[in-house]
Amino acid sequence: MIIQDYNADGIPDIAFLSGGEGDAGVLVGKGNGTFRPVAFFGAGVSPLLIGAGTLASGGKPDLVLVSNEFLAAQPVSYSVLRNVSK
């Protein structure tokens, strides 16, 4: 789980891996201790790790997901979920 401000509104948000679902979820903070409904994004096969960093979104944090694809030719892969929030 990673806590960062993903939509640049000054309020912390939470990004996490959905156990067993192969998805990453983002909860956008409302600023009063509650969150908007979760938004899920495909995270590849068997995601193991989630990280955040400014990679391709003009200063906003993107999510980086590392997967262990046991049935694939490559044992480990990664994907970047670009931050397209406004």
N, C-alpha and C. Protein backbone atom coordinates (compact mmCIF):
# COMPACT_ATOMS: atom_id res chain seq x y z
N MET A 1 0.86 -1.16 0.00
CA MET A 1 0.00 0.00 0.00
C MET A 1 0.90 1.23 0.00
N ILE A 2 0.50 2.23 -0.79
CA ILE A 2 1.27 3.46 -0.88
C ILE A 2 0.32 4.64 -0.70
N ILE A 3 0.71 5.55 0.17
CA ILE A 3 -0.08 6.75 0.41
C ILE A 3 0.65 7.92 -0.26
N GLN A 4 -0.02 8.57 -1.20
CA GLN A 4 0.50 9.74 -1.90
C GLN A 4 -0.67 10.54 -2.42
N ASP A 5 -0.37 11.74 -2.87
CA ASP A 5 -1.40 12.57 -3.49
C ASP A 5 -1.35 12.33 -4.99
N TYR A 6 -2.20 11.44 -5.50
CA TYR A 6 -2.16 11.05 -6.91
C TYR A 6 -2.86 12.04 -7.84
N ASN A 7 -3.79 12.82 -7.32
CA ASN A 7 -4.52 13.74 -8.21
C ASN A 7 -4.19 15.21 -7.94
N ALA A 8 -3.12 15.46 -7.22
CA ALA A 8 -2.59 16.82 -6.99
C ALA A 8 -3.60 17.79 -6.39
N ASP A 9 -4.44 17.28 -5.47
CA ASP A 9 -5.39 18.16 -4.79
C ASP A 9 -4.96 18.48 -3.36
N GLY A 10 -3.76 18.02 -2.97
CA GLY A 10 -3.26 18.27 -1.63
C GLY A 10 -3.78 17.33 -0.56
N ILE A 11 -4.56 16.31 -0.95
CA ILE A 11 -5.15 15.36 -0.02
C ILE A 11 -4.57 13.97 -0.29
N PRO A 12 -4.10 13.26 0.75
CA PRO A 12 -3.52 11.94 0.52
C PRO A 12 -4.53 10.94 -0.06
N ASP A 13 -4.02 10.12 -0.98
CA ASP A 13 -4.79 9.04 -1.59
C ASP A 13 -4.04 7.73 -1.30
N ILE A 14 -4.71 6.60 -1.52
CA ILE A 14 -4.11 5.29 -1.24
C ILE A 14 -4.14 4.45 -2.51
N ALA A 15 -2.99 3.85 -2.85
CA ALA A 15 -2.91 2.88 -3.94
C ALA A 15 -2.53 1.54 -3.32
N PHE A 16 -3.11 0.45 -3.84
CA PHE A 16 -2.87 -0.87 -3.25
C PHE A 16 -3.08 -1.95 -4.30
N LEU A 17 -2.57 -3.14 -4.01
CA LEU A 17 -2.83 -4.32 -4.84
C LEU A 17 -4.03 -5.04 -4.27
N SER A 18 -4.91 -5.48 -5.14
CA SER A 18 -6.08 -6.23 -4.72
C SER A 18 -5.70 -7.70 -4.68
N GLY A 19 -5.59 -8.25 -3.51
CA GLY A 19 -5.13 -9.61 -3.32
C GLY A 19 -5.87 -10.63 -4.15
N GLY A 20 -5.14 -11.33 -5.04
CA GLY A 20 -5.70 -12.40 -5.83
C GLY A 20 -6.51 -11.98 -7.03
N GLU A 21 -6.81 -10.70 -7.17
CA GLU A 21 -7.65 -10.23 -8.26
C GLU A 21 -6.85 -9.80 -9.49
N GLY A 22 -5.56 -9.55 -9.32
CA GLY A 22 -4.76 -9.07 -10.44
C GLY A 22 -5.01 -7.61 -10.76
N ASP A 23 -5.49 -6.84 -9.79
CA ASP A 23 -5.80 -5.44 -9.99
C ASP A 23 -5.04 -4.57 -9.00
N ALA A 24 -4.86 -3.31 -9.38
CA ALA A 24 -4.41 -2.28 -8.45
C ALA A 24 -5.60 -1.39 -8.19
N GLY A 25 -5.73 -0.94 -6.97
CA GLY A 25 -6.84 -0.06 -6.62
C GLY A 25 -6.32 1.28 -6.13
N VAL A 26 -7.10 2.32 -6.38
CA VAL A 26 -6.77 3.65 -5.87
C VAL A 26 -8.00 4.21 -5.16
N LEU A 27 -7.79 4.64 -3.94
CA LEU A 27 -8.82 5.33 -3.15
C LEU A 27 -8.43 6.79 -3.09
N VAL A 28 -9.26 7.66 -3.61
CA VAL A 28 -9.00 9.10 -3.62
C VAL A 28 -9.58 9.71 -2.34
N GLY A 29 -8.70 10.38 -1.59
CA GLY A 29 -9.12 10.98 -0.33
C GLY A 29 -10.02 12.18 -0.53
N LYS A 30 -10.99 12.31 0.40
CA LYS A 30 -11.90 13.46 0.36
C LYS A 30 -11.44 14.61 1.26
N GLY A 31 -10.46 14.34 2.12
CA GLY A 31 -9.97 15.39 3.01
C GLY A 31 -10.61 15.40 4.38
N ASN A 32 -11.57 14.50 4.60
CA ASN A 32 -12.24 14.43 5.90
C ASN A 32 -12.07 13.05 6.55
N GLY A 33 -11.06 12.30 6.09
CA GLY A 33 -10.81 10.96 6.63
C GLY A 33 -11.54 9.86 5.89
N THR A 34 -12.32 10.21 4.87
CA THR A 34 -13.02 9.21 4.07
C THR A 34 -12.49 9.27 2.63
N PHE A 35 -12.93 8.31 1.83
CA PHE A 35 -12.44 8.18 0.46
C PHE A 35 -13.59 8.01 -0.51
N ARG A 36 -13.34 8.40 -1.76
CA ARG A 36 -14.29 8.12 -2.84
C ARG A 36 -14.27 6.62 -3.12
N PRO A 37 -15.26 6.10 -3.85
CA PRO A 37 -15.26 4.67 -4.18
C PRO A 37 -13.97 4.27 -4.91
N VAL A 38 -13.53 3.08 -4.64
CA VAL A 38 -12.27 2.59 -5.22
C VAL A 38 -12.35 2.48 -6.74
N ALA A 39 -11.27 2.83 -7.39
CA ALA A 39 -11.13 2.65 -8.84
C ALA A 39 -10.09 1.54 -9.05
N PHE A 40 -10.46 0.51 -9.80
CA PHE A 40 -9.54 -0.61 -10.04
C PHE A 40 -8.97 -0.52 -11.45
N PHE A 41 -7.71 -0.96 -11.58
CA PHE A 41 -6.99 -0.97 -12.85
C PHE A 41 -6.30 -2.31 -13.01
N GLY A 42 -6.32 -2.87 -14.21
CA GLY A 42 -5.65 -4.14 -14.46
C GLY A 42 -4.17 -4.02 -14.17
N ALA A 43 -3.65 -4.99 -13.43
CA ALA A 43 -2.26 -4.93 -12.98
C ALA A 43 -1.43 -6.09 -13.49
N GLY A 44 -1.87 -6.78 -14.53
CA GLY A 44 -1.10 -7.90 -15.05
C GLY A 44 -1.43 -9.19 -14.32
N VAL A 45 -0.58 -10.16 -14.51
CA VAL A 45 -0.78 -11.48 -13.91
C VAL A 45 -0.01 -11.56 -12.61
N SER A 46 -0.67 -11.94 -11.55
CA SER A 46 -0.04 -12.15 -10.24
C SER A 46 0.84 -11.00 -9.78
N PRO A 47 0.31 -9.79 -9.66
CA PRO A 47 1.14 -8.68 -9.19
C PRO A 47 1.62 -8.93 -7.76
N LEU A 48 2.90 -8.64 -7.54
CA LEU A 48 3.51 -8.88 -6.23
C LEU A 48 3.86 -7.61 -5.49
N LEU A 49 4.31 -6.60 -6.23
CA LEU A 49 4.79 -5.36 -5.61
C LEU A 49 4.18 -4.16 -6.32
N ILE A 50 4.00 -3.11 -5.55
CA ILE A 50 3.51 -1.85 -6.10
C ILE A 50 4.44 -0.74 -5.62
N GLY A 51 4.73 0.18 -6.51
CA GLY A 51 5.56 1.33 -6.17
C GLY A 51 5.01 2.55 -6.88
N ALA A 52 5.52 3.71 -6.52
CA ALA A 52 5.08 4.94 -7.15
C ALA A 52 6.28 5.82 -7.42
N GLY A 53 6.22 6.53 -8.51
CA GLY A 53 7.28 7.46 -8.86
C GLY A 53 6.85 8.28 -10.05
N THR A 54 7.48 9.42 -10.22
CA THR A 54 7.17 10.29 -11.35
C THR A 54 7.98 9.80 -12.54
N LEU A 55 7.31 9.09 -13.44
CA LEU A 55 7.98 8.48 -14.59
C LEU A 55 7.56 9.10 -15.90
N ALA A 56 6.26 9.29 -16.10
CA ALA A 56 5.77 9.69 -17.42
C ALA A 56 4.57 10.63 -17.37
N SER A 57 4.29 11.24 -16.24
CA SER A 57 3.04 11.98 -16.12
C SER A 57 3.22 13.44 -15.75
N GLY A 58 4.30 14.03 -16.14
CA GLY A 58 4.47 15.46 -15.93
C GLY A 58 4.43 15.91 -14.49
N GLY A 59 5.10 15.20 -13.60
CA GLY A 59 5.18 15.61 -12.21
C GLY A 59 4.22 14.94 -11.26
N LYS A 60 3.27 14.15 -11.76
CA LYS A 60 2.35 13.41 -10.88
C LYS A 60 2.84 11.97 -10.76
N PRO A 61 2.65 11.33 -9.61
CA PRO A 61 3.16 9.97 -9.43
C PRO A 61 2.41 8.94 -10.27
N ASP A 62 3.17 8.10 -10.95
CA ASP A 62 2.64 6.94 -11.67
C ASP A 62 2.79 5.73 -10.77
N LEU A 63 2.06 4.67 -11.07
CA LEU A 63 2.20 3.42 -10.32
C LEU A 63 3.03 2.44 -11.14
N VAL A 64 3.93 1.74 -10.46
CA VAL A 64 4.75 0.70 -11.07
C VAL A 64 4.37 -0.61 -10.40
N LEU A 65 4.06 -1.62 -11.22
CA LEU A 65 3.63 -2.91 -10.70
C LEU A 65 4.60 -3.98 -11.17
N VAL A 66 5.03 -4.82 -10.26
CA VAL A 66 5.92 -5.93 -10.59
C VAL A 66 5.12 -7.22 -10.44
N SER A 67 5.15 -8.04 -11.51
CA SER A 67 4.39 -9.28 -11.52
C SER A 67 5.31 -10.47 -11.64
N ASN A 68 4.87 -11.58 -11.10
CA ASN A 68 5.57 -12.84 -11.25
C ASN A 68 4.67 -13.72 -12.10
N GLU A 69 4.96 -13.79 -13.38
CA GLU A 69 4.12 -14.53 -14.32
C GLU A 69 4.69 -15.93 -14.50
N PHE A 70 4.25 -16.86 -13.68
CA PHE A 70 4.81 -18.21 -13.65
C PHE A 70 4.69 -18.93 -14.98
N LEU A 71 3.68 -18.65 -15.76
CA LEU A 71 3.46 -19.37 -17.00
C LEU A 71 4.06 -18.66 -18.21
N ALA A 72 4.63 -17.51 -18.01
CA ALA A 72 5.17 -16.73 -19.13
C ALA A 72 6.64 -17.08 -19.35
N ALA A 73 7.14 -16.70 -20.52
CA ALA A 73 8.54 -16.95 -20.83
C ALA A 73 9.46 -16.15 -19.90
N GLN A 74 9.03 -14.94 -19.53
CA GLN A 74 9.80 -14.12 -18.60
C GLN A 74 9.24 -14.33 -17.20
N PRO A 75 10.06 -14.70 -16.24
CA PRO A 75 9.54 -14.97 -14.90
C PRO A 75 9.06 -13.74 -14.15
N VAL A 76 9.59 -12.56 -14.47
CA VAL A 76 9.19 -11.34 -13.78
C VAL A 76 8.95 -10.26 -14.84
N SER A 77 7.88 -9.51 -14.68
CA SER A 77 7.62 -8.39 -15.59
C SER A 77 7.16 -7.20 -14.77
N TYR A 78 7.13 -6.06 -15.40
CA TYR A 78 6.63 -4.87 -14.72
C TYR A 78 5.73 -4.10 -15.68
N SER A 79 4.87 -3.29 -15.12
CA SER A 79 4.02 -2.43 -15.92
C SER A 79 3.91 -1.09 -15.20
N VAL A 80 3.66 -0.05 -15.99
CA VAL A 80 3.50 1.29 -15.45
C VAL A 80 2.08 1.75 -15.73
N LEU A 81 1.39 2.16 -14.69
CA LEU A 81 0.06 2.75 -14.85
C LEU A 81 0.26 4.26 -14.80
N ARG A 82 0.15 4.89 -15.95
CA ARG A 82 0.37 6.34 -16.03
C ARG A 82 -0.74 7.10 -15.31
N ASN A 83 -0.35 8.12 -14.63
CA ASN A 83 -1.29 8.98 -13.92
C ASN A 83 -1.88 9.97 -14.93
N VAL A 84 -3.13 9.79 -15.24
CA VAL A 84 -3.81 10.69 -16.18
C VAL A 84 -4.85 11.56 -15.48
N SER A 85 -4.72 11.69 -14.14
CA SER A 85 -5.68 12.52 -13.41
C SER A 85 -5.51 13.97 -13.81
N LYS A 86 -6.60 14.72 -13.65
CA LYS A 86 -6.58 16.15 -14.02
C LYS A 86 -6.32 16.99 -12.82
